[in-house]
Protein backbone atom coordinates (compact mmCIF):
# COMPACT_ATOMS: atom_id res chain seq x y z
CA MET A 1 -65.15 -21.38 -26.82
CA TYR A 2 -66.68 -24.91 -27.98
CA ILE A 3 -65.87 -25.03 -31.63
CA PRO A 4 -67.01 -28.16 -33.88
CA LYS A 5 -64.68 -28.94 -36.49
CA TYR A 6 -66.53 -27.84 -39.34
CA PHE A 7 -66.47 -24.18 -38.02
CA LYS A 8 -62.91 -24.09 -36.57
CA VAL A 9 -60.80 -21.16 -38.39
CA THR A 10 -56.95 -21.58 -37.93
CA ASN A 11 -55.51 -19.06 -40.32
CA VAL A 12 -53.94 -16.52 -38.34
CA ASP A 13 -54.33 -13.74 -40.74
CA GLU A 14 -57.62 -14.30 -41.55
CA ILE A 15 -58.48 -14.03 -38.02
CA TRP A 16 -56.55 -10.91 -37.47
CA ASP A 17 -58.41 -9.29 -40.76
CA PHE A 18 -61.46 -10.29 -39.04
CA VAL A 19 -60.50 -8.41 -35.78
CA GLN A 20 -59.69 -5.41 -37.53
CA ASN A 21 -62.77 -5.17 -39.23
CA ASN A 22 -64.97 -6.12 -36.31
CA SER A 23 -62.98 -4.11 -33.41
CA PHE A 24 -65.87 -3.05 -31.10
CA GLY A 25 -65.14 -5.92 -28.61
CA THR A 26 -65.84 -6.79 -25.30
CA ILE A 27 -63.25 -7.26 -22.68
CA VAL A 28 -64.03 -9.65 -19.97
CA THR A 29 -62.21 -10.09 -16.44
CA THR A 30 -63.36 -11.22 -12.94
CA LYS A 31 -63.67 -9.54 -9.87
CA GLN A 32 -63.96 -11.79 -6.62
CA GLY A 33 -65.31 -14.70 -8.95
CA LYS A 34 -67.60 -12.22 -10.48
CA PRO A 35 -67.50 -11.55 -14.21
CA VAL A 36 -67.06 -7.92 -15.15
CA ALA A 37 -67.51 -6.92 -18.93
CA THR A 38 -66.88 -3.66 -20.68
CA HIS A 39 -67.59 -2.89 -24.42
CA LEU A 40 -64.96 -0.63 -26.63
CA PRO A 41 -63.42 0.24 -29.70
CA LEU A 42 -60.03 -1.67 -29.76
CA GLY A 43 -56.86 -1.77 -31.76
CA LEU A 44 -54.48 -4.23 -32.81
CA ASN A 45 -50.40 -3.88 -33.32
CA LYS A 46 -47.79 -6.39 -33.89
CA LYS A 47 -44.89 -6.26 -32.47
CA GLY A 48 -42.00 -8.59 -33.71
CA ASP A 49 -44.18 -11.96 -33.41
CA ASP A 50 -46.39 -10.69 -30.60
CA TYR A 51 -50.13 -9.58 -31.12
CA TYR A 52 -51.31 -6.69 -28.81
CA ILE A 53 -54.71 -5.66 -28.14
CA THR A 54 -55.11 -2.05 -27.13
CA GLY A 55 -57.83 0.26 -25.73
CA HIS A 56 -58.93 2.26 -23.41
CA MET A 57 -61.65 3.04 -20.95
CA ALA A 58 -62.98 5.56 -18.45
CA TYR A 59 -60.98 6.26 -15.14
CA GLY A 60 -64.32 5.86 -13.27
CA ASN A 61 -64.68 2.19 -14.88
CA PRO A 62 -63.38 -0.02 -11.92
CA GLN A 63 -62.57 -2.92 -14.36
CA TRP A 64 -59.06 -1.38 -15.52
CA LYS A 65 -58.29 -2.33 -11.77
CA THR A 66 -59.00 -5.89 -12.33
CA PHE A 67 -56.49 -6.14 -14.69
CA GLU A 68 -53.48 -6.78 -11.76
CA THR A 69 -55.58 -9.68 -10.48
CA CYS A 70 -56.59 -11.15 -13.21
CA GLU A 71 -54.52 -14.03 -14.59
CA ASP A 72 -56.23 -13.68 -18.11
CA VAL A 73 -58.23 -11.43 -19.87
CA LEU A 74 -60.58 -12.93 -22.42
CA VAL A 75 -61.75 -10.29 -25.59
CA MET A 76 -64.29 -11.43 -27.57
CA PHE A 77 -65.15 -10.08 -31.16
CA GLN A 78 -68.03 -10.59 -33.33
CA GLY A 79 -69.18 -10.25 -36.65
CA PRO A 80 -72.62 -10.65 -38.56
CA HIS A 81 -75.04 -13.28 -37.12
CA ALA A 82 -78.30 -15.01 -38.20
CA TYR A 83 -81.27 -16.76 -37.78
CA ILE A 84 -81.12 -20.05 -40.17
CA SER A 85 -84.80 -21.57 -41.01
CA SER A 86 -84.57 -25.23 -41.62
CA SER A 87 -87.58 -24.70 -44.10
CA TRP A 88 -84.58 -23.67 -46.12
CA TYR A 89 -83.17 -27.12 -46.17
CA GLY A 90 -83.89 -29.78 -48.86
CA HIS A 91 -84.63 -32.28 -45.76
CA GLU A 92 -86.19 -32.21 -42.08
CA GLU A 93 -84.02 -30.44 -39.70
CA VAL A 94 -84.02 -27.91 -36.83
CA PRO A 95 -83.13 -24.15 -36.93
CA THR A 96 -79.85 -22.81 -35.84
CA TRP A 97 -78.18 -19.64 -36.15
CA ASN A 98 -75.17 -18.88 -38.14
CA TYR A 99 -72.15 -16.33 -36.63
CA GLN A 100 -68.49 -15.46 -36.69
CA ALA A 101 -66.77 -14.95 -33.48
CA VAL A 102 -63.25 -14.53 -32.09
CA HIS A 103 -61.84 -15.24 -28.63
CA ALA A 104 -58.52 -13.72 -27.59
CA TYR A 105 -56.85 -14.47 -24.02
CA GLY A 106 -53.89 -12.59 -22.62
CA LYS A 107 -52.58 -10.62 -19.70
CA ALA A 108 -53.30 -7.05 -19.69
CA SER A 109 -51.05 -4.15 -18.43
CA ILE A 110 -51.65 -0.35 -18.24
CA LEU A 111 -50.11 2.19 -20.74
CA GLU A 112 -48.20 4.60 -19.91
CA LYS A 113 -48.79 8.30 -21.05
CA ASN A 114 -46.96 8.12 -24.29
CA GLU A 115 -47.98 4.98 -25.25
CA LEU A 116 -51.72 5.57 -24.61
CA ILE A 117 -51.33 8.94 -27.04
CA GLU A 118 -50.10 6.49 -29.80
CA GLU A 119 -53.07 4.35 -29.24
CA LEU A 120 -55.24 7.37 -29.81
CA THR A 121 -53.70 8.82 -32.39
CA ILE A 122 -53.44 5.37 -34.30
CA MET A 123 -57.33 5.02 -33.24
CA LEU A 124 -58.40 8.43 -34.81
CA GLU A 125 -56.55 7.86 -38.00
CA LYS A 126 -58.26 4.77 -38.42
CA TYR A 127 -61.72 5.83 -37.92
CA GLU A 128 -61.31 9.64 -39.12
CA GLU A 129 -59.49 9.19 -42.77
CA ASN A 130 -62.10 8.93 -44.55
CA ARG A 131 -64.51 11.36 -43.15
CA GLU A 132 -64.59 15.12 -44.94
CA ASN A 133 -63.13 17.29 -41.63
CA PRO A 134 -61.17 14.51 -40.10
CA VAL A 135 -60.76 14.99 -36.30
CA LEU A 136 -57.08 13.58 -35.80
CA TRP A 137 -54.87 14.32 -32.55
CA ASP A 138 -52.58 17.08 -33.60
CA LYS A 139 -55.68 19.14 -34.69
CA LEU A 140 -57.23 19.01 -30.91
CA SER A 141 -56.08 21.72 -28.89
CA PRO A 142 -53.26 20.37 -25.74
CA ASP A 143 -55.59 21.87 -23.10
CA LEU A 144 -58.52 19.52 -24.44
CA LEU A 145 -56.16 16.58 -24.86
CA GLU A 146 -54.42 17.02 -21.56
CA SER A 147 -58.24 16.96 -19.58
CA GLU A 148 -59.40 14.12 -21.88
CA LEU A 149 -56.35 11.99 -20.84
CA LYS A 150 -56.79 12.53 -17.18
CA GLY A 151 -60.07 10.91 -17.66
CA ILE A 152 -59.16 7.59 -19.25
CA VAL A 153 -57.15 4.60 -18.55
CA GLY A 154 -55.16 2.98 -21.59
CA PHE A 155 -54.28 -0.86 -21.29
CA LYS A 156 -52.91 -3.31 -23.84
CA ILE A 157 -53.38 -7.32 -23.84
CA LYS A 158 -50.39 -9.56 -25.01
CA VAL A 159 -52.48 -12.02 -26.78
CA GLU A 160 -51.27 -15.52 -25.72
CA GLU A 161 -54.45 -17.77 -27.35
CA ILE A 162 -56.69 -17.06 -30.06
CA GLU A 163 -59.66 -19.01 -31.05
CA ALA A 164 -62.13 -18.33 -34.00
CA ALA A 165 -65.28 -19.96 -35.10
CA TYR A 166 -67.14 -19.27 -38.42
CA LYS A 167 -70.48 -21.05 -38.32
CA LEU A 168 -71.42 -20.28 -41.92
CA SER A 169 -73.37 -23.58 -42.84
CA GLN A 170 -70.26 -25.31 -44.09
CA ASN A 171 -71.90 -28.72 -42.96
CA ARG A 172 -74.72 -28.33 -45.41
CA ASN A 173 -74.90 -29.44 -49.05
CA GLU A 174 -74.19 -27.18 -51.75
CA THR A 175 -78.20 -26.68 -52.87
CA ASP A 176 -78.89 -26.02 -49.13
CA TYR A 177 -76.13 -23.72 -48.87
CA HIS A 178 -77.13 -21.48 -52.11
CA ASN A 179 -80.50 -21.38 -50.83
CA ILE A 180 -79.72 -20.23 -47.45
CA ILE A 181 -77.79 -17.33 -49.00
CA ASP A 182 -80.88 -16.30 -51.09
CA LYS A 183 -83.24 -16.46 -48.35
CA LEU A 184 -80.61 -14.53 -45.85
CA GLN A 185 -80.44 -11.64 -49.22
CA ASN A 186 -84.44 -11.55 -48.96
CA GLU A 187 -84.38 -10.83 -44.96
CA GLU A 188 -85.36 -7.21 -43.84
CA ASN A 189 -82.86 -7.77 -40.87
CA PRO A 190 -79.24 -6.12 -42.27
CA ASN A 191 -77.72 -8.60 -40.28
CA SER A 192 -79.10 -11.42 -42.36
CA LYS A 193 -78.10 -9.54 -45.75
CA GLN A 194 -74.25 -9.35 -44.38
CA MET A 195 -74.34 -12.80 -43.39
CA ALA A 196 -75.49 -13.80 -46.98
CA GLU A 197 -72.46 -11.43 -48.01
CA VAL A 198 -69.70 -13.41 -45.85
CA MET A 199 -71.30 -16.88 -46.76
CA GLU A 200 -70.95 -15.79 -50.65
CA LYS A 201 -67.63 -14.45 -50.15
CA ARG A 202 -66.33 -17.61 -48.55
CA LEU A 203 -67.85 -19.39 -51.43
CA LYS A 204 -65.97 -17.63 -54.00
CA ASN A 205 -62.95 -17.76 -52.21
CA ASP A 206 -63.45 -21.82 -51.93
CA ILE A 207 -63.48 -21.97 -55.78
């Protein structure tokens, strides 16, 4: 991923926190030279000093068969993004786009059944914990679970390389930066409002 120096993020804890909060990602592999992608909710686990991205896809999705033949798998995570009008600057300039993105690279392998059950249990706990009637692994019938397990393939990707780009107008002066936040907050697009929040949070963290 091309990352200008202004926007490069190297803090590993910050990057993984972003992944945890934006865990619906895109997995990219290749089949006979052609890119193949699947959009999935993903998990993140740390074992020792190693990070693993985990998930599952439908058995009928042929992408899992490419894991054995691909030297590297690319996983992309994206946060809020927003159009930035150059009319918001105090000088003449062209428009641009602000965004947050993380790319992770590594080797994928298929999960054993017990590993898949562990991955699914953790995912349910993460997304159901604040529900009024949480649907957790041990609350579902064994027959239903066994049937569902036959229809999916679990995988894990050992992360070998990570890249992160947060393009948040860091290269603009203080006046322009504050004005961009104000303009984004007044936009109707929810992505614009989320981007304003991210930029405001960055400002507070830098103080």
